[in-house]
Amino acid sequence: MQYRKVDVIVPVYKPDEKCKKLIERLHRQSYPVQRIILINTEQAYFDDYFGKSGFLEPYDDLVIRHITAEEFDHGGTRRMGVELSDADYFICMTDDAVPVDDKLVEELLKPLLEGKAAAAYARQLPGKDATLTERYSRYFNYPPKAVIKSAEDIPVMGIKTFFCSNVCAAYDRKVYDKVGGFEKHMIFNEDMVNARHFLDAGEKIAYVPEARVIHSHHYSNLQQLQRNFDLGVSQAQFPEVFGGISSSSEGVKMIKNMTAYLLHKGRPLQIPEMVINSGFKFIGYQLGKHYKCLPAWVIRKVTMNPNYWKQGE
């Protein structure tokens, strides 16, 4: 079988066991990866974890670039990774996304190789330590049913149409280049902005539940506020992408469904905690949408990416 070239691009920060498992499992894929490109933030952390272990020595397909924390950018760092690739297709992943099996790359590339879509993203499953609410959140955003989305779906699906997570997403390099690639300077949401450009160019995006990674978080209320602040900022900065398309209805739908889920699981006492957590998300999002009205010291308190603001908007 003749394989098309595919590279995997991974921004790395303070690597741990998940990053090691990611590298190991990428080398066991049924569809071979040409190169794994690691864009690492702060070399000291990388060297402390990998330096003396010898773990990386057997792998001659790794490309490693070190940057400082001040240089990291959600769009620009991934753009740098793509520029280091000469592959026909590339996959963006995060360093805490662990492939479930050896079919991840094969399944993720299938709609691209078959000409059904120009981008595809994987299903995210919760880790063993995930809370009940986080488990439902994964299921809500990454259900078991596949879908292929086009610009024609925007009136019905709204913002979900160009949802495409760089936790694990594959792209056709020719189309990526045609639409201009990831934005050079973004606080967050580089994947959705790029996906919208794909749709506007007449391309399609596939959600592939057969391609699976383990990926979940347990954010505190403050971390949820900060994350959603950055989300709101990114939407405010790209009105041509997000203007006139509300995402609040999806949030309300998830709260209702999660309430029913917790009741079904016999955990009604977790509902107030979930509602409070959702409130922090909403406050953060609204602050981000109106960030231009906020003084700089407030922004520094409520952002998850303070270095972004040091670089300038």
C-alpha atoms as a PDB file:
ATOM      1  CA  MET A   1       0.000   0.000   0.000  1.00  0.00           C
ATOM      2  CA  GLN A   2       1.272   3.452  -0.888  1.00  0.00           C
ATOM      3  CA  TYR A   3       0.827   5.936   1.932  1.00  0.00           C
ATOM      4  CA  ARG A   4       0.458   9.692   1.594  1.00  0.00           C
ATOM      5  CA  LYS A   5       2.794  11.601   3.877  1.00  0.00           C
ATOM      6  CA  VAL A   6       1.372  12.766   7.193  1.00  0.00           C
ATOM      7  CA  ASP A   7       3.098  14.641  10.021  1.00  0.00           C
ATOM      8  CA  VAL A   8       1.838  15.197  13.561  1.00  0.00           C
ATOM      9  CA  ILE A   9       2.346  18.625  15.153  1.00  0.00           C
ATOM     10  CA  VAL A  10       2.300  18.858  18.946  1.00  0.00           C
ATOM     11  CA  PRO A  11       2.814  22.005  21.047  1.00  0.00           C
ATOM     12  CA  VAL A  12       4.451  20.826  24.275  1.00  0.00           C
ATOM     13  CA  TYR A  13       4.588  22.463  27.691  1.00  0.00           C
ATOM     14  CA  LYS A  14       5.845  20.757  30.842  1.00  0.00           C
ATOM     15  CA  PRO A  15       5.723  17.246  29.360  1.00  0.00           C
ATOM     16  CA  ASP A  16       4.607  14.336  31.526  1.00  0.00           C
ATOM     17  CA  GLU A  17       3.541  10.709  31.220  1.00  0.00           C
ATOM     18  CA  LYS A  18       0.706  11.572  28.828  1.00  0.00           C
ATOM     19  CA  CYS A  19       3.141  13.174  26.406  1.00  0.00           C
ATOM     20  CA  LYS A  20       5.346  10.085  26.587  1.00  0.00           C
ATOM     21  CA  LYS A  21       2.366   7.808  25.868  1.00  0.00           C
ATOM     22  CA  LEU A  22       1.368  10.038  22.957  1.00  0.00           C
ATOM     23  CA  ILE A  23       4.795   9.664  21.332  1.00  0.00           C
ATOM     24  CA  GLU A  24       4.848   5.907  21.953  1.00  0.00           C
ATOM     25  CA  ARG A  25       1.390   5.308  20.511  1.00  0.00           C
ATOM     26  CA  LEU A  26       1.972   7.500  17.476  1.00  0.00           C
ATOM     27  CA  HIS A  27       4.783   5.101  16.599  1.00  0.00           C
ATOM     28  CA  ARG A  28       2.400   2.129  16.690  1.00  0.00           C
ATOM     29  CA  GLN A  29      -0.175   3.466  14.241  1.00  0.00           C
ATOM     30  CA  SER A  30      -1.503   1.280  11.423  1.00  0.00           C
ATOM     31  CA  TYR A  31      -1.141   4.306   9.110  1.00  0.00           C
ATOM     32  CA  PRO A  32       2.493   5.399   9.516  1.00  0.00           C
ATOM     33  CA  VAL A  33       3.420   8.923  10.570  1.00  0.00           C
ATOM     34  CA  GLN A  34       6.340  10.503   8.705  1.00  0.00           C
ATOM     35  CA  ARG A  35       7.456  12.908  11.432  1.00  0.00           C
ATOM     36  CA  ILE A  36       6.354  14.083  14.846  1.00  0.00           C
ATOM     37  CA  ILE A  37       7.027  17.799  15.187  1.00  0.00           C
ATOM     38  CA  LEU A  38       7.259  18.991  18.783  1.00  0.00           C
ATOM     39  CA  ILE A  39       7.117  22.741  19.394  1.00  0.00           C
ATOM     40  CA  ASN A  40       8.168  22.930  23.017  1.00  0.00           C
ATOM     41  CA  THR A  41       7.690  25.908  25.304  1.00  0.00           C
ATOM     42  CA  GLU A  42      10.627  26.441  27.706  1.00  0.00           C
ATOM     43  CA  GLN A  43      13.487  24.010  27.089  1.00  0.00           C
ATOM     44  CA  ALA A  44      14.298  23.606  30.795  1.00  0.00           C
ATOM     45  CA  TYR A  45      11.049  21.731  31.464  1.00  0.00           C
ATOM     46  CA  PHE A  46      11.602  19.507  28.422  1.00  0.00           C
ATOM     47  CA  ASP A  47      15.163  18.665  29.411  1.00  0.00           C
ATOM     48  CA  ASP A  48      14.199  17.988  33.024  1.00  0.00           C
ATOM     49  CA  TYR A  49      11.652  15.387  31.951  1.00  0.00           C
ATOM     50  CA  PHE A  50      13.273  13.764  28.908  1.00  0.00           C
ATOM     51  CA  GLY A  51      16.929  14.713  29.248  1.00  0.00           C
ATOM     52  CA  LYS A  52      18.355  11.852  31.331  1.00  0.00           C
ATOM     53  CA  SER A  53      15.752   9.183  30.597  1.00  0.00           C
ATOM     54  CA  GLY A  54      16.947   8.280  27.107  1.00  0.00           C
ATOM     55  CA  PHE A  55      13.307   7.899  26.081  1.00  0.00           C
ATOM     56  CA  LEU A  56      13.647   9.977  22.914  1.00  0.00           C
ATOM     57  CA  GLU A  57      16.889   8.414  21.665  1.00  0.00           C
ATOM     58  CA  PRO A  58      15.377   5.516  19.619  1.00  0.00           C
ATOM     59  CA  TYR A  59      13.188   7.896  17.621  1.00  0.00           C
ATOM     60  CA  ASP A  60      14.825   9.446  14.558  1.00  0.00           C
ATOM     61  CA  ASP A  61      11.575  10.934  13.236  1.00  0.00           C
ATOM     62  CA  LEU A  62      11.200  13.621  15.889  1.00  0.00           C
ATOM     63  CA  VAL A  63      11.641  17.288  15.022  1.00  0.00           C
ATOM     64  CA  ILE A  64      12.016  19.394  18.159  1.00  0.00           C
ATOM     65  CA  ARG A  65      11.899  23.190  18.305  1.00  0.00           C
ATOM     66  CA  HIS A  66      12.150  25.124  21.548  1.00  0.00           C
ATOM     67  CA  ILE A  67      10.492  28.479  22.139  1.00  0.00           C
ATOM     68  CA  THR A  68      10.084  30.695  25.188  1.00  0.00           C
ATOM     69  CA  ALA A  69       6.819  31.193  27.046  1.00  0.00           C
ATOM     70  CA  GLU A  70       6.690  34.730  25.671  1.00  0.00           C
ATOM     71  CA  GLU A  71       6.881  33.371  22.120  1.00  0.00           C
ATOM     72  CA  PHE A  72       4.052  30.858  22.503  1.00  0.00           C
ATOM     73  CA  ASP A  73       0.874  31.644  20.612  1.00  0.00           C
ATOM     74  CA  HIS A  74      -2.118  29.376  19.988  1.00  0.00           C
ATOM     75  CA  GLY A  75      -2.135  30.227  16.299  1.00  0.00           C
ATOM     76  CA  GLY A  76       1.472  31.182  15.623  1.00  0.00           C
ATOM     77  CA  THR A  77       3.029  28.163  17.347  1.00  0.00           C
ATOM     78  CA  ARG A  78       0.949  25.698  15.334  1.00  0.00           C
ATOM     79  CA  ARG A  79       1.621  27.709  12.210  1.00  0.00           C
ATOM     80  CA  MET A  80       5.345  27.278  12.929  1.00  0.00           C
ATOM     81  CA  GLY A  81       4.838  23.537  13.198  1.00  0.00           C
ATOM     82  CA  VAL A  82       3.056  23.381   9.850  1.00  0.00           C
ATOM     83  CA  GLU A  83       5.867  25.354   8.217  1.00  0.00           C
ATOM     84  CA  LEU A  84       8.287  22.640   9.355  1.00  0.00           C
ATOM     85  CA  SER A  85       6.211  19.998   7.588  1.00  0.00           C
ATOM     86  CA  ASP A  86       6.328  18.932   3.934  1.00  0.00           C
ATOM     87  CA  ALA A  87       3.582  16.320   4.306  1.00  0.00           C
ATOM     88  CA  ASP A  88       0.404  16.058   2.241  1.00  0.00           C
ATOM     89  CA  TYR A  89      -1.622  16.014   5.454  1.00  0.00           C
ATOM     90  CA  PHE A  90      -0.866  17.073   8.981  1.00  0.00           C
ATOM     91  CA  ILE A  91      -2.464  16.324  12.324  1.00  0.00           C
ATOM     92  CA  CYS A  92      -2.515  18.800  15.177  1.00  0.00           C
ATOM     93  CA  MET A  93      -2.583  17.332  18.675  1.00  0.00           C
ATOM     94  CA  THR A  94      -2.047  18.538  22.227  1.00  0.00           C
ATOM     95  CA  ASP A  95       0.561  16.941  24.448  1.00  0.00           C
ATOM     96  CA  ASP A  96      -2.065  15.511  26.818  1.00  0.00           C
ATOM     97  CA  ALA A  97      -4.159  13.730  24.159  1.00  0.00           C
ATOM     98  CA  VAL A  98      -3.451   9.988  24.214  1.00  0.00           C
ATOM     99  CA  PRO A  99      -4.505   7.787  21.257  1.00  0.00           C
ATOM    100  CA  VAL A 100      -6.837   4.998  22.363  1.00  0.00           C
ATOM    101  CA  ASP A 101      -5.505   2.502  19.815  1.00  0.00           C
ATOM    102  CA  ASP A 102      -3.377   2.059  16.698  1.00  0.00           C
ATOM    103  CA  LYS A 103      -6.188   3.130  14.338  1.00  0.00           C
ATOM    104  CA  LEU A 104      -6.286   6.838  15.252  1.00  0.00           C
ATOM    105  CA  VAL A 105      -4.367   8.173  12.239  1.00  0.00           C
ATOM    106  CA  GLU A 106      -5.967   5.703   9.818  1.00  0.00           C
ATOM    107  CA  GLU A 107      -9.520   6.596  10.883  1.00  0.00           C
ATOM    108  CA  LEU A 108      -8.870  10.322  11.111  1.00  0.00           C
ATOM    109  CA  LEU A 109      -7.402  10.506   7.611  1.00  0.00           C
ATOM    110  CA  LYS A 110     -10.083   8.351   6.002  1.00  0.00           C
ATOM    111  CA  PRO A 111     -12.517  11.173   5.048  1.00  0.00           C
ATOM    112  CA  LEU A 112      -9.613  13.250   3.702  1.00  0.00           C
ATOM    113  CA  LEU A 113      -8.168  10.418   1.629  1.00  0.00           C
ATOM    114  CA  GLU A 114     -11.633   9.581   0.289  1.00  0.00           C
ATOM    115  CA  GLY A 115     -12.240  13.210  -0.707  1.00  0.00           C
ATOM    116  CA  LYS A 116     -15.242  13.606   1.609  1.00  0.00           C
ATOM    117  CA  ALA A 117     -13.709  16.411   3.701  1.00  0.00           C
ATOM    118  CA  ALA A 118     -10.625  18.639   3.916  1.00  0.00           C
ATOM    119  CA  ALA A 119     -10.394  18.543   7.704  1.00  0.00           C
ATOM    120  CA  ALA A 120     -11.406  16.021  10.352  1.00  0.00           C
ATOM    121  CA  TYR A 121     -11.359  15.877  14.131  1.00  0.00           C
ATOM    122  CA  ALA A 122     -11.364  13.005  16.583  1.00  0.00           C
ATOM    123  CA  ARG A 123     -13.601  11.927  19.419  1.00  0.00           C
ATOM    124  CA  GLN A 124     -12.364  12.856  22.908  1.00  0.00           C
ATOM    125  CA  LEU A 125     -13.020  10.358  25.670  1.00  0.00           C
ATOM    126  CA  PRO A 126     -12.705  11.155  29.390  1.00  0.00           C
ATOM    127  CA  GLY A 127      -9.774   9.905  31.433  1.00  0.00           C
ATOM    128  CA  LYS A 128     -10.206   7.528  34.359  1.00  0.00           C
ATOM    129  CA  ASP A 129      -9.982  10.402  36.836  1.00  0.00           C
ATOM    130  CA  ALA A 130     -12.607  12.563  35.082  1.00  0.00           C
ATOM    131  CA  THR A 131     -15.550  13.811  37.126  1.00  0.00           C
ATOM    132  CA  LEU A 132     -19.116  12.845  36.280  1.00  0.00           C
ATOM    133  CA  THR A 133     -19.806  16.292  34.804  1.00  0.00           C
ATOM    134  CA  GLU A 134     -16.632  16.185  32.722  1.00  0.00           C
ATOM    135  CA  ARG A 135     -17.606  12.750  31.446  1.00  0.00           C
ATOM    136  CA  TYR A 136     -20.952  14.079  30.284  1.00  0.00           C
ATOM    137  CA  SER A 137     -19.303  17.135  28.755  1.00  0.00           C
ATOM    138  CA  ARG A 138     -17.092  14.850  26.638  1.00  0.00           C
ATOM    139  CA  TYR A 139     -20.152  12.881  25.500  1.00  0.00           C
ATOM    140  CA  PHE A 140     -22.135  16.047  24.720  1.00  0.00           C
ATOM    141  CA  ASN A 141     -19.400  17.568  22.568  1.00  0.00           C
ATOM    142  CA  TYR A 142     -18.077  14.289  21.128  1.00  0.00           C
ATOM    143  CA  PRO A 143     -20.994  11.878  20.607  1.00  0.00           C
ATOM    144  CA  PRO A 144     -20.671   8.445  18.960  1.00  0.00           C
ATOM    145  CA  LYS A 145     -22.335   9.527  15.701  1.00  0.00           C
ATOM    146  CA  ALA A 146     -20.211  10.721  12.763  1.00  0.00           C
ATOM    147  CA  VAL A 147     -21.067  13.884  10.839  1.00  0.00           C
ATOM    148  CA  ILE A 148     -19.749  15.789   7.825  1.00  0.00           C
ATOM    149  CA  LYS A 149     -20.407  19.536   7.936  1.00  0.00           C
ATOM    150  CA  SER A 150     -20.480  22.219   5.254  1.00  0.00           C
ATOM    151  CA  ALA A 151     -21.274  25.938   5.165  1.00  0.00           C
ATOM    152  CA  GLU A 152     -24.842  25.023   4.272  1.00  0.00           C
ATOM    153  CA  ASP A 153     -25.300  23.648   7.797  1.00  0.00           C
ATOM    154  CA  ILE A 154     -24.596  26.972   9.548  1.00  0.00           C
ATOM    155  CA  PRO A 155     -28.251  28.150   9.648  1.00  0.00           C
ATOM    156  CA  VAL A 156     -29.219  24.939  11.477  1.00  0.00           C
ATOM    157  CA  MET A 157     -26.098  23.941  13.424  1.00  0.00           C
ATOM    158  CA  GLY A 158     -24.813  27.434  14.168  1.00  0.00           C
ATOM    159  CA  ILE A 159     -21.379  27.606  15.779  1.00  0.00           C
ATOM    160  CA  LYS A 160     -21.212  23.810  15.984  1.00  0.00           C
ATOM    161  CA  THR A 161     -20.748  23.772  12.203  1.00  0.00           C
ATOM    162  CA  PHE A 162     -17.161  24.959  12.443  1.00  0.00           C
ATOM    163  CA  PHE A 163     -16.314  23.251  15.690  1.00  0.00           C
ATOM    164  CA  CYS A 164     -13.030  21.413  15.064  1.00  0.00           C
ATOM    165  CA  SER A 165     -10.676  20.758  17.966  1.00  0.00           C
ATOM    166  CA  ASN A 166      -6.896  20.860  17.613  1.00  0.00           C
ATOM    167  CA  VAL A 167      -6.691  18.446  20.522  1.00  0.00           C
ATOM    168  CA  CYS A 168      -6.696  16.033  17.595  1.00  0.00           C
ATOM    169  CA  ALA A 169      -7.527  17.239  14.087  1.00  0.00           C
ATOM    170  CA  ALA A 170      -6.238  16.439  10.596  1.00  0.00           C
ATOM    171  CA  TYR A 171      -5.932  18.865   7.694  1.00  0.00           C
ATOM    172  CA  ASP A 172      -5.329  18.734   3.960  1.00  0.00           C
ATOM    173  CA  ARG A 173      -2.189  20.837   3.510  1.00  0.00           C
ATOM    174  CA  LYS A 174      -3.191  22.220   0.098  1.00  0.00           C
ATOM    175  CA  VAL A 175      -6.488  23.537   1.435  1.00  0.00           C
ATOM    176  CA  TYR A 176      -4.801  24.843   4.568  1.00  0.00           C
ATOM    177  CA  ASP A 177      -2.365  26.851   2.445  1.00  0.00           C
ATOM    178  CA  LYS A 178      -5.153  28.052   0.165  1.00  0.00           C
ATOM    179  CA  VAL A 179      -7.149  29.602   3.034  1.00  0.00           C
ATOM    180  CA  GLY A 180      -4.068  31.196   4.650  1.00  0.00           C
ATOM    181  CA  GLY A 181      -3.424  28.820   7.540  1.00  0.00           C
ATOM    182  CA  PHE A 182      -3.711  29.408  11.271  1.00  0.00           C
ATOM    183  CA  GLU A 183      -3.729  33.027  12.358  1.00  0.00           C
ATOM    184  CA  LYS A 184      -0.280  34.214  13.452  1.00  0.00           C
ATOM    185  CA  HIS A 185      -1.507  35.771  16.685  1.00  0.00           C
ATOM    186  CA  MET A 186      -4.420  34.230  18.578  1.00  0.00           C
ATOM    187  CA  ILE A 187      -5.312  33.934  22.223  1.00  0.00           C
ATOM    188  CA  PHE A 188      -7.492  30.860  21.634  1.00  0.00           C
ATOM    189  CA  ASN A 189      -9.827  29.201  19.099  1.00  0.00           C
ATOM    190  CA  GLU A 190      -7.319  29.005  16.245  1.00  0.00           C
ATOM    191  CA  ASP A 191      -8.917  25.712  15.221  1.00  0.00           C
ATOM    192  CA  MET A 192     -12.462  27.093  14.848  1.00  0.00           C
ATOM    193  CA  VAL A 193     -11.340  30.192  12.951  1.00  0.00           C
ATOM    194  CA  ASN A 194      -9.364  28.012  10.556  1.00  0.00           C
ATOM    195  CA  ALA A 195     -12.317  25.633  10.219  1.00  0.00           C
ATOM    196  CA  ARG A 196     -14.606  28.528   9.304  1.00  0.00           C
ATOM    197  CA  HIS A 197     -12.150  29.516   6.572  1.00  0.00           C
ATOM    198  CA  PHE A 198     -12.306  25.936   5.253  1.00  0.00           C
ATOM    199  CA  LEU A 199     -16.104  26.081   5.126  1.00  0.00           C
ATOM    200  CA  ASP A 200     -16.120  29.509   3.470  1.00  0.00           C
ATOM    201  CA  ALA A 201     -13.815  28.080   0.790  1.00  0.00           C
ATOM    202  CA  GLY A 202     -16.448  25.438   0.010  1.00  0.00           C
ATOM    203  CA  GLU A 203     -14.729  22.621   1.891  1.00  0.00           C
ATOM    204  CA  LYS A 204     -16.204  20.168   4.413  1.00  0.00           C
ATOM    205  CA  ILE A 205     -15.249  19.162   7.945  1.00  0.00           C
ATOM    206  CA  ALA A 206     -15.698  15.633   9.263  1.00  0.00           C
ATOM    207  CA  TYR A 207     -16.206  14.515  12.833  1.00  0.00           C
ATOM    208  CA  VAL A 208     -14.802  10.988  13.090  1.00  0.00           C
ATOM    209  CA  PRO A 209     -15.841   9.200  16.305  1.00  0.00           C
ATOM    210  CA  GLU A 210     -13.899   6.088  15.280  1.00  0.00           C
ATOM    211  CA  ALA A 211     -10.718   8.147  15.753  1.00  0.00           C
ATOM    212  CA  ARG A 212     -10.401   8.354  19.526  1.00  0.00           C
ATOM    213  CA  VAL A 213      -8.131  10.044  22.044  1.00  0.00           C
ATOM    214  CA  ILE A 214      -8.291  10.171  25.814  1.00  0.00           C
ATOM    215  CA  HIS A 215      -8.463  13.810  26.821  1.00  0.00           C
ATOM    216  CA  SER A 216     -10.237  15.549  29.675  1.00  0.00           C
ATOM    217  CA  HIS A 217      -9.621  18.214  32.297  1.00  0.00           C
ATOM    218  CA  HIS A 218     -10.755  19.049  35.776  1.00  0.00           C
ATOM    219  CA  TYR A 219     -10.736  22.839  35.792  1.00  0.00           C
ATOM    220  CA  SER A 220     -11.523  24.840  38.906  1.00  0.00           C
ATOM    221  CA  ASN A 221     -14.198  27.540  38.744  1.00  0.00           C
ATOM    222  CA  LEU A 222     -11.507  30.200  38.299  1.00  0.00           C
ATOM    223  CA  GLN A 223      -9.809  28.230  35.525  1.00  0.00           C
ATOM    224  CA  GLN A 224     -13.147  27.843  33.755  1.00  0.00           C
ATOM    225  CA  LEU A 225     -13.666  31.596  33.983  1.00  0.00           C
ATOM    226  CA  GLN A 226     -10.192  32.241  32.569  1.00  0.00           C
ATOM    227  CA  ARG A 227     -10.575  29.715  29.762  1.00  0.00           C
ATOM    228  CA  ASN A 228     -13.946  31.123  28.742  1.00  0.00           C
ATOM    229  CA  PHE A 229     -12.624  34.670  28.979  1.00  0.00           C
ATOM    230  CA  ASP A 230     -10.033  33.803  26.338  1.00  0.00           C
ATOM    231  CA  LEU A 231     -12.756  32.100  24.316  1.00  0.00           C
ATOM    232  CA  GLY A 232     -14.873  35.255  24.436  1.00  0.00           C
ATOM    233  CA  VAL A 233     -11.895  37.424  23.448  1.00  0.00           C
ATOM    234  CA  SER A 234     -11.180  35.250  20.404  1.00  0.00           C
ATOM    235  CA  GLN A 235     -14.785  35.533  19.257  1.00  0.00           C
ATOM    236  CA  ALA A 236     -14.836  39.296  19.765  1.00  0.00           C
ATOM    237  CA  GLN A 237     -11.656  39.663  17.714  1.00  0.00           C
ATOM    238  CA  PHE A 238     -13.068  37.765  14.725  1.00  0.00           C
ATOM    239  CA  PRO A 239     -16.559  39.143  14.095  1.00  0.00           C
ATOM    240  CA  GLU A 240     -16.325  38.004  10.477  1.00  0.00           C
ATOM    241  CA  VAL A 241     -16.175  34.435  11.783  1.00  0.00           C
ATOM    242  CA  PHE A 242     -18.426  34.495  14.842  1.00  0.00           C
ATOM    243  CA  GLY A 243     -20.617  37.553  14.253  1.00  0.00           C
ATOM    244  CA  GLY A 244     -24.332  36.833  14.302  1.00  0.00           C
ATOM    245  CA  ILE A 245     -23.810  33.239  15.464  1.00  0.00           C
ATOM    246  CA  SER A 246     -24.703  32.625  19.097  1.00  0.00           C
ATOM    247  CA  SER A 247     -23.034  29.913  21.162  1.00  0.00           C
ATOM    248  CA  SER A 248     -25.107  30.490  24.324  1.00  0.00           C
ATOM    249  CA  SER A 249     -27.897  28.162  23.189  1.00  0.00           C
ATOM    250  CA  GLU A 250     -25.440  25.255  23.178  1.00  0.00           C
ATOM    251  CA  GLY A 251     -24.427  26.114  26.740  1.00  0.00           C
ATOM    252  CA  VAL A 252     -28.024  26.204  27.939  1.00  0.00           C
ATOM    253  CA  LYS A 253     -28.729  22.902  26.191  1.00  0.00           C
ATOM    254  CA  MET A 254     -25.759  21.241  27.887  1.00  0.00           C
ATOM    255  CA  ILE A 255     -26.802  22.487  31.350  1.00  0.00           C
ATOM    256  CA  LYS A 256     -30.304  21.080  30.880  1.00  0.00           C
ATOM    257  CA  ASN A 257     -29.016  17.760  29.605  1.00  0.00           C
ATOM    258  CA  MET A 258     -26.350  17.505  32.291  1.00  0.00           C
ATOM    259  CA  THR A 259     -28.951  18.174  34.994  1.00  0.00           C
ATOM    260  CA  ALA A 260     -31.046  15.281  33.685  1.00  0.00           C
ATOM    261  CA  TYR A 261     -27.899  13.125  33.502  1.00  0.00           C
ATOM    262  CA  LEU A 262     -26.942  13.814  37.126  1.00  0.00           C
ATOM    263  CA  LEU A 263     -30.471  13.040  38.274  1.00  0.00           C
ATOM    264  CA  HIS A 264     -30.410   9.806  36.286  1.00  0.00           C
ATOM    265  CA  LYS A 265     -27.103   8.863  37.947  1.00  0.00           C
ATOM    266  CA  GLY A 266     -28.541   9.590  41.398  1.00  0.00           C
ATOM    267  CA  ARG A 267     -26.239  12.557  41.986  1.00  0.00           C
ATOM    268  CA  PRO A 268     -28.636  15.493  42.538  1.00  0.00           C
ATOM    269  CA  LEU A 269     -26.256  17.089  45.058  1.00  0.00           C
ATOM    270  CA  GLN A 270     -23.781  17.712  42.219  1.00  0.00           C
ATOM    271  CA  ILE A 271     -26.261  19.906  40.342  1.00  0.00           C
ATOM    272  CA  PRO A 272     -25.615  23.127  42.374  1.00  0.00           C
ATOM    273  CA  GLU A 273     -21.864  22.679  41.841  1.00  0.00           C
ATOM    274  CA  MET A 274     -22.434  22.224  38.104  1.00  0.00           C
ATOM    275  CA  VAL A 275     -24.645  25.321  37.941  1.00  0.00           C
ATOM    276  CA  ILE A 276     -22.036  27.412  39.796  1.00  0.00           C
ATOM    277  CA  ASN A 277     -19.302  26.129  37.469  1.00  0.00           C
ATOM    278  CA  SER A 278     -21.453  27.015  34.466  1.00  0.00           C
ATOM    279  CA  GLY A 279     -21.951  30.468  35.937  1.00  0.00           C
ATOM    280  CA  PHE A 280     -18.203  31.026  36.057  1.00  0.00           C
ATOM    281  CA  LYS A 281     -17.995  29.947  32.404  1.00  0.00           C
ATOM    282  CA  PHE A 282     -20.724  32.408  31.434  1.00  0.00           C
ATOM    283  CA  ILE A 283     -19.162  35.302  33.363  1.00  0.00           C
ATOM    284  CA  GLY A 284     -15.758  34.613  31.823  1.00  0.00           C
ATOM    285  CA  TYR A 285     -17.232  34.413  28.340  1.00  0.00           C
ATOM    286  CA  GLN A 286     -19.135  37.683  28.708  1.00  0.00           C
ATOM    287  CA  LEU A 287     -16.078  39.467  30.111  1.00  0.00           C
ATOM    288  CA  GLY A 288     -14.055  38.197  27.150  1.00  0.00           C
ATOM    289  CA  LYS A 289     -16.651  39.348  24.632  1.00  0.00           C
ATOM    290  CA  HIS A 290     -16.387  42.858  26.132  1.00  0.00           C
ATOM    291  CA  TYR A 291     -12.679  42.838  26.930  1.00  0.00           C
ATOM    292  CA  LYS A 292     -12.131  46.220  25.263  1.00  0.00           C
ATOM    293  CA  CYS A 293     -14.098  47.805  28.098  1.00  0.00           C
ATOM    294  CA  LEU A 294     -11.843  46.293  30.766  1.00  0.00           C
ATOM    295  CA  PRO A 295      -8.707  47.864  32.268  1.00  0.00           C
ATOM    296  CA  ALA A 296      -5.428  46.039  31.656  1.00  0.00           C
ATOM    297  CA  TRP A 297      -5.083  44.884  35.278  1.00  0.00           C
ATOM    298  CA  VAL A 298      -8.449  43.113  35.140  1.00  0.00           C
ATOM    299  CA  ILE A 299      -7.520  41.368  31.888  1.00  0.00           C
ATOM    300  CA  ARG A 300      -4.290  40.111  33.465  1.00  0.00           C
ATOM    301  CA  LYS A 301      -6.321  38.618  36.331  1.00  0.00           C
ATOM    302  CA  VAL A 302      -8.939  36.842  34.231  1.00  0.00           C
ATOM    303  CA  THR A 303      -6.949  35.535  31.251  1.00  0.00           C
ATOM    304  CA  MET A 304      -5.414  32.068  30.998  1.00  0.00           C
ATOM    305  CA  ASN A 305      -2.775  33.438  28.592  1.00  0.00           C
ATOM    306  CA  PRO A 306      -1.079  36.518  30.133  1.00  0.00           C
ATOM    307  CA  ASN A 307       1.815  36.325  27.679  1.00  0.00           C
ATOM    308  CA  TYR A 308      -0.587  36.942  24.807  1.00  0.00           C
ATOM    309  CA  TRP A 309      -1.288  40.408  26.165  1.00  0.00           C
ATOM    310  CA  LYS A 310       2.415  41.137  26.605  1.00  0.00           C
ATOM    311  CA  GLN A 311       2.831  40.540  22.855  1.00  0.00           C
ATOM    312  CA  GLY A 312       0.042  43.022  22.137  1.00  0.00           C
ATOM    313  CA  GLU A 313      -3.400  42.313  20.734  1.00  0.00           C
END
